[in-house]
Amino acid sequence: MGAGPSRVSRLGIRGFNPKRRRPPRAFEDLRTPEDEPFPPSTLAELRRDMEGRRLISDQIREIEDAHLERL
């Protein structure tokens, strides 16, 4: 998924782990290294990436659970 470490570091975000189920702080609170807020389009991109990551994670969990039930 796109919200991996490279995208987050490219944006200069520090202390943000995209693998966490819930981000440690609201996206609106994220700041650039120059202490400026991120543009709305960037925030929307991060939200889409996090939602995609959550969806894929949920699907993998469902597949694994179904597999374990069949064993």
N, C-alpha and C. Protein backbone atom coordinates (compact mmCIF):
# COMPACT_ATOMS: atom_id res chain seq x y z
N MET A 1 0.84 -1.18 0.00
CA MET A 1 0.00 0.00 0.00
C MET A 1 0.88 1.24 0.00
N GLY A 2 0.30 2.33 -0.39
CA GLY A 2 1.09 3.52 -0.61
C GLY A 2 1.54 4.29 0.62
N ALA A 3 0.90 4.12 1.78
CA ALA A 3 1.27 4.95 2.94
C ALA A 3 2.42 4.33 3.70
N GLY A 4 3.31 3.73 2.98
CA GLY A 4 4.45 3.10 3.61
C GLY A 4 5.46 4.12 4.07
N PRO A 5 6.54 3.64 4.63
CA PRO A 5 7.55 4.54 5.18
C PRO A 5 8.11 5.52 4.16
N SER A 6 8.22 5.12 2.88
CA SER A 6 8.81 6.02 1.90
C SER A 6 7.94 7.26 1.68
N ARG A 7 6.63 7.09 1.58
CA ARG A 7 5.76 8.24 1.36
C ARG A 7 5.77 9.14 2.59
N VAL A 8 5.69 8.55 3.75
CA VAL A 8 5.65 9.33 4.98
C VAL A 8 6.96 10.09 5.17
N SER A 9 8.09 9.41 4.91
CA SER A 9 9.37 10.10 5.06
C SER A 9 9.57 11.14 3.96
N ARG A 10 9.05 10.87 2.77
CA ARG A 10 9.14 11.85 1.68
C ARG A 10 8.45 13.15 2.07
N LEU A 11 7.38 13.02 2.82
CA LEU A 11 6.64 14.20 3.26
C LEU A 11 7.28 14.87 4.48
N GLY A 12 8.29 14.24 5.04
CA GLY A 12 8.97 14.81 6.19
C GLY A 12 8.28 14.54 7.51
N ILE A 13 7.36 13.56 7.52
CA ILE A 13 6.64 13.24 8.75
C ILE A 13 7.51 12.34 9.60
N ARG A 14 7.67 12.69 10.85
CA ARG A 14 8.45 11.89 11.78
C ARG A 14 7.53 11.40 12.90
N GLY A 15 7.84 10.23 13.44
CA GLY A 15 7.06 9.70 14.56
C GLY A 15 5.69 9.20 14.15
N PHE A 16 5.52 8.82 12.89
CA PHE A 16 4.23 8.34 12.41
C PHE A 16 4.43 6.92 11.89
N ASN A 17 3.68 5.98 12.43
CA ASN A 17 3.79 4.58 12.02
C ASN A 17 2.53 4.22 11.24
N PRO A 18 2.62 4.09 9.91
CA PRO A 18 1.43 3.79 9.11
C PRO A 18 0.88 2.39 9.34
N LYS A 19 1.64 1.52 10.01
CA LYS A 19 1.17 0.16 10.26
C LYS A 19 0.23 0.08 11.46
N ARG A 20 0.19 1.12 12.25
CA ARG A 20 -0.73 1.12 13.40
C ARG A 20 -2.16 1.19 12.90
N ARG A 21 -3.02 0.49 13.60
CA ARG A 21 -4.42 0.46 13.20
C ARG A 21 -5.04 1.86 13.27
N ARG A 22 -4.72 2.58 14.28
CA ARG A 22 -5.19 3.96 14.41
C ARG A 22 -3.96 4.86 14.51
N PRO A 23 -3.89 5.86 13.68
CA PRO A 23 -2.73 6.75 13.75
C PRO A 23 -2.63 7.39 15.14
N PRO A 24 -1.43 7.69 15.59
CA PRO A 24 -1.26 8.24 16.94
C PRO A 24 -1.85 9.63 17.12
N ARG A 25 -2.10 10.31 16.03
CA ARG A 25 -2.71 11.64 16.12
C ARG A 25 -3.50 11.89 14.85
N ALA A 26 -4.34 12.88 14.89
CA ALA A 26 -5.16 13.18 13.72
C ALA A 26 -4.28 13.66 12.57
N PHE A 27 -4.66 13.31 11.36
CA PHE A 27 -3.89 13.74 10.20
C PHE A 27 -3.77 15.26 10.14
N GLU A 28 -4.80 15.93 10.57
CA GLU A 28 -4.78 17.39 10.52
C GLU A 28 -3.69 17.98 11.41
N ASP A 29 -3.25 17.22 12.41
CA ASP A 29 -2.21 17.70 13.32
C ASP A 29 -0.80 17.48 12.76
N LEU A 30 -0.68 16.71 11.67
CA LEU A 30 0.63 16.47 11.09
C LEU A 30 1.17 17.76 10.48
N ARG A 31 2.47 17.96 10.61
CA ARG A 31 3.11 19.18 10.12
C ARG A 31 4.31 18.83 9.26
N THR A 32 4.65 19.72 8.36
CA THR A 32 5.85 19.57 7.56
C THR A 32 7.06 19.89 8.44
N PRO A 33 8.27 19.59 7.95
CA PRO A 33 9.46 19.96 8.73
C PRO A 33 9.55 21.47 8.97
N GLU A 34 8.90 22.26 8.12
CA GLU A 34 8.89 23.72 8.30
C GLU A 34 7.75 24.16 9.22
N ASP A 35 7.08 23.19 9.86
CA ASP A 35 5.97 23.43 10.78
C ASP A 35 4.74 24.03 10.08
N GLU A 36 4.53 23.66 8.84
CA GLU A 36 3.36 24.09 8.08
C GLU A 36 2.39 22.92 8.01
N PRO A 37 1.08 23.21 7.93
CA PRO A 37 0.12 22.10 7.76
C PRO A 37 0.25 21.52 6.35
N PHE A 38 -0.12 20.25 6.21
CA PHE A 38 -0.08 19.64 4.89
C PHE A 38 -1.28 20.10 4.07
N PRO A 39 -1.13 20.17 2.76
CA PRO A 39 -2.26 20.55 1.90
C PRO A 39 -3.39 19.52 2.02
N PRO A 40 -4.63 19.96 1.80
CA PRO A 40 -5.77 19.04 1.88
C PRO A 40 -5.63 17.82 0.96
N SER A 41 -5.06 18.01 -0.21
CA SER A 41 -4.91 16.88 -1.14
C SER A 41 -3.95 15.83 -0.57
N THR A 42 -2.91 16.25 0.12
CA THR A 42 -1.97 15.32 0.74
C THR A 42 -2.63 14.57 1.88
N LEU A 43 -3.40 15.28 2.69
CA LEU A 43 -4.12 14.63 3.79
C LEU A 43 -5.11 13.60 3.25
N ALA A 44 -5.80 13.95 2.16
CA ALA A 44 -6.75 13.02 1.57
C ALA A 44 -6.02 11.78 1.04
N GLU A 45 -4.85 11.97 0.46
CA GLU A 45 -4.06 10.85 -0.03
C GLU A 45 -3.64 9.93 1.11
N LEU A 46 -3.21 10.50 2.23
CA LEU A 46 -2.83 9.70 3.39
C LEU A 46 -4.03 8.92 3.94
N ARG A 47 -5.18 9.57 3.99
CA ARG A 47 -6.39 8.89 4.47
C ARG A 47 -6.76 7.71 3.57
N ARG A 48 -6.70 7.93 2.25
CA ARG A 48 -7.01 6.84 1.32
C ARG A 48 -6.03 5.68 1.49
N ASP A 49 -4.77 6.01 1.64
CA ASP A 49 -3.76 4.96 1.83
C ASP A 49 -4.00 4.18 3.11
N MET A 50 -4.30 4.86 4.18
CA MET A 50 -4.55 4.18 5.46
C MET A 50 -5.81 3.33 5.38
N GLU A 51 -6.84 3.81 4.70
CA GLU A 51 -8.06 3.03 4.55
C GLU A 51 -7.80 1.79 3.71
N GLY A 52 -7.01 1.92 2.65
CA GLY A 52 -6.66 0.76 1.82
C GLY A 52 -5.86 -0.26 2.62
N ARG A 53 -4.94 0.21 3.43
CA ARG A 53 -4.14 -0.68 4.27
C ARG A 53 -5.04 -1.42 5.25
N ARG A 54 -6.00 -0.71 5.85
CA ARG A 54 -6.92 -1.33 6.80
C ARG A 54 -7.79 -2.38 6.11
N LEU A 55 -8.28 -2.06 4.91
CA LEU A 55 -9.13 -2.98 4.16
C LEU A 55 -8.38 -4.27 3.83
N ILE A 56 -7.17 -4.14 3.34
CA ILE A 56 -6.37 -5.31 2.99
C ILE A 56 -6.06 -6.14 4.23
N SER A 57 -5.72 -5.48 5.32
CA SER A 57 -5.43 -6.19 6.56
C SER A 57 -6.64 -6.97 7.04
N ASP A 58 -7.82 -6.35 6.96
CA ASP A 58 -9.05 -7.04 7.36
C ASP A 58 -9.33 -8.24 6.46
N GLN A 59 -9.11 -8.10 5.16
CA GLN A 59 -9.35 -9.20 4.25
C GLN A 59 -8.40 -10.36 4.52
N ILE A 60 -7.14 -10.06 4.78
CA ILE A 60 -6.17 -11.11 5.09
C ILE A 60 -6.58 -11.84 6.36
N ARG A 61 -7.00 -11.10 7.38
CA ARG A 61 -7.44 -11.71 8.63
C ARG A 61 -8.63 -12.64 8.40
N GLU A 62 -9.60 -12.20 7.58
CA GLU A 62 -10.76 -13.03 7.28
C GLU A 62 -10.36 -14.32 6.57
N ILE A 63 -9.45 -14.22 5.62
CA ILE A 63 -8.98 -15.41 4.89
C ILE A 63 -8.26 -16.36 5.84
N GLU A 64 -7.40 -15.82 6.69
CA GLU A 64 -6.68 -16.67 7.65
C GLU A 64 -7.64 -17.34 8.61
N ASP A 65 -8.63 -16.61 9.10
CA ASP A 65 -9.63 -17.20 10.01
C ASP A 65 -10.40 -18.32 9.34
N ALA A 66 -10.81 -18.10 8.10
CA ALA A 66 -11.55 -19.13 7.35
C ALA A 66 -10.66 -20.35 7.14
N HIS A 67 -9.42 -20.14 6.86
CA HIS A 67 -8.48 -21.25 6.67
C HIS A 67 -8.34 -22.06 7.95
N LEU A 68 -8.21 -21.38 9.08
CA LEU A 68 -8.06 -22.07 10.37
C LEU A 68 -9.31 -22.86 10.72
N GLU A 69 -10.48 -22.36 10.36
CA GLU A 69 -11.73 -23.07 10.63
C GLU A 69 -11.81 -24.37 9.85
N ARG A 70 -11.24 -24.39 8.65
CA ARG A 70 -11.28 -25.60 7.82
C ARG A 70 -10.29 -26.65 8.27
N LEU A 71 -9.30 -26.29 9.08
CA LEU A 71 -8.30 -27.26 9.52
C LEU A 71 -8.80 -28.15 10.63
